[in-house]
Amino acid sequence: MGRISNMPPEERFTRTFVGIILAVSSFFVWGKWAALALGILFLVSAWNGFCFTCELCRKFNKHS
């Protein structure tokens, strides 16, 4: 648990967001497509060096 508290808030938000989407999508037939889309978005963001969910987190948490 110490590692989680040392993470930046953007990274915690991103991991939680992706984890919830993957967990929920596993109950549906289209879950494999959601996992594929998240994988592609991850690869594109890693290639560009831009984290969309990090920017979302910063937008909604203006105090950090």
Protein backbone atom coordinates (compact mmCIF):
# COMPACT_ATOMS: atom_id res chain seq x y z
CA MET A 1 0.00 0.00 0.00
CA GLY A 2 2.97 2.32 0.46
CA ARG A 3 3.61 2.28 -3.26
CA ILE A 4 0.09 3.52 -4.02
CA SER A 5 0.44 6.48 -1.68
CA ASN A 6 3.68 7.45 -3.43
CA MET A 7 2.04 7.62 -6.87
CA PRO A 8 1.09 10.94 -8.39
CA PRO A 9 -2.68 11.54 -8.35
CA GLU A 10 -2.84 11.38 -12.15
CA GLU A 11 -1.37 7.90 -12.21
CA ARG A 12 -3.73 6.65 -9.49
CA PHE A 13 -6.69 8.07 -11.43
CA THR A 14 -5.52 6.47 -14.68
CA ARG A 15 -4.96 3.04 -13.14
CA THR A 16 -8.30 3.14 -11.32
CA PHE A 17 -10.18 4.33 -14.42
CA VAL A 18 -8.71 1.65 -16.68
CA GLY A 19 -9.15 -1.05 -14.04
CA ILE A 20 -12.82 -0.26 -13.53
CA ILE A 21 -13.51 -0.21 -17.26
CA LEU A 22 -11.75 -3.54 -17.76
CA ALA A 23 -13.50 -5.14 -14.79
CA VAL A 24 -16.95 -3.96 -15.92
CA SER A 25 -16.37 -4.86 -19.55
CA SER A 26 -15.52 -8.45 -18.62
CA PHE A 27 -19.23 -9.00 -17.87
CA PHE A 28 -20.31 -8.08 -21.39
CA VAL A 29 -19.88 -9.70 -24.79
CA TRP A 30 -18.21 -6.57 -26.15
CA GLY A 31 -15.63 -6.60 -23.36
CA LYS A 32 -12.86 -7.81 -25.64
CA TRP A 33 -13.43 -4.77 -27.86
CA ALA A 34 -13.21 -2.43 -24.88
CA ALA A 35 -9.92 -4.07 -23.87
CA LEU A 36 -8.65 -3.75 -27.43
CA ALA A 37 -9.62 -0.07 -27.60
CA LEU A 38 -7.92 0.63 -24.25
CA GLY A 39 -4.81 -1.19 -25.45
CA ILE A 40 -4.68 0.84 -28.65
CA LEU A 41 -5.21 4.09 -26.75
CA PHE A 42 -2.42 3.12 -24.37
CA LEU A 43 -0.02 2.40 -27.24
CA VAL A 44 -0.89 5.66 -28.99
CA SER A 45 -0.46 7.66 -25.80
CA ALA A 46 2.86 5.95 -25.05
CA TRP A 47 4.05 6.63 -28.59
CA ASN A 48 3.03 10.32 -28.45
CA GLY A 49 4.04 10.86 -24.84
CA PHE A 50 0.60 12.29 -24.02
CA CYS A 51 -1.63 10.87 -21.29
CA PHE A 52 -5.29 11.72 -21.96
CA THR A 53 -6.55 10.43 -18.62
CA CYS A 54 -3.81 12.40 -16.81
CA GLU A 55 -5.07 15.57 -18.48
CA LEU A 56 -8.64 14.67 -17.50
CA CYS A 57 -7.54 14.23 -13.91
CA ARG A 58 -5.73 17.59 -13.91
CA LYS A 59 -8.79 19.28 -15.42
CA PHE A 60 -11.17 17.94 -12.76
CA ASN A 61 -8.71 18.36 -9.85
CA LYS A 62 -7.62 21.93 -10.35
CA HIS A 63 -6.24 22.22 -6.80
CA SER A 64 -3.37 19.78 -7.53
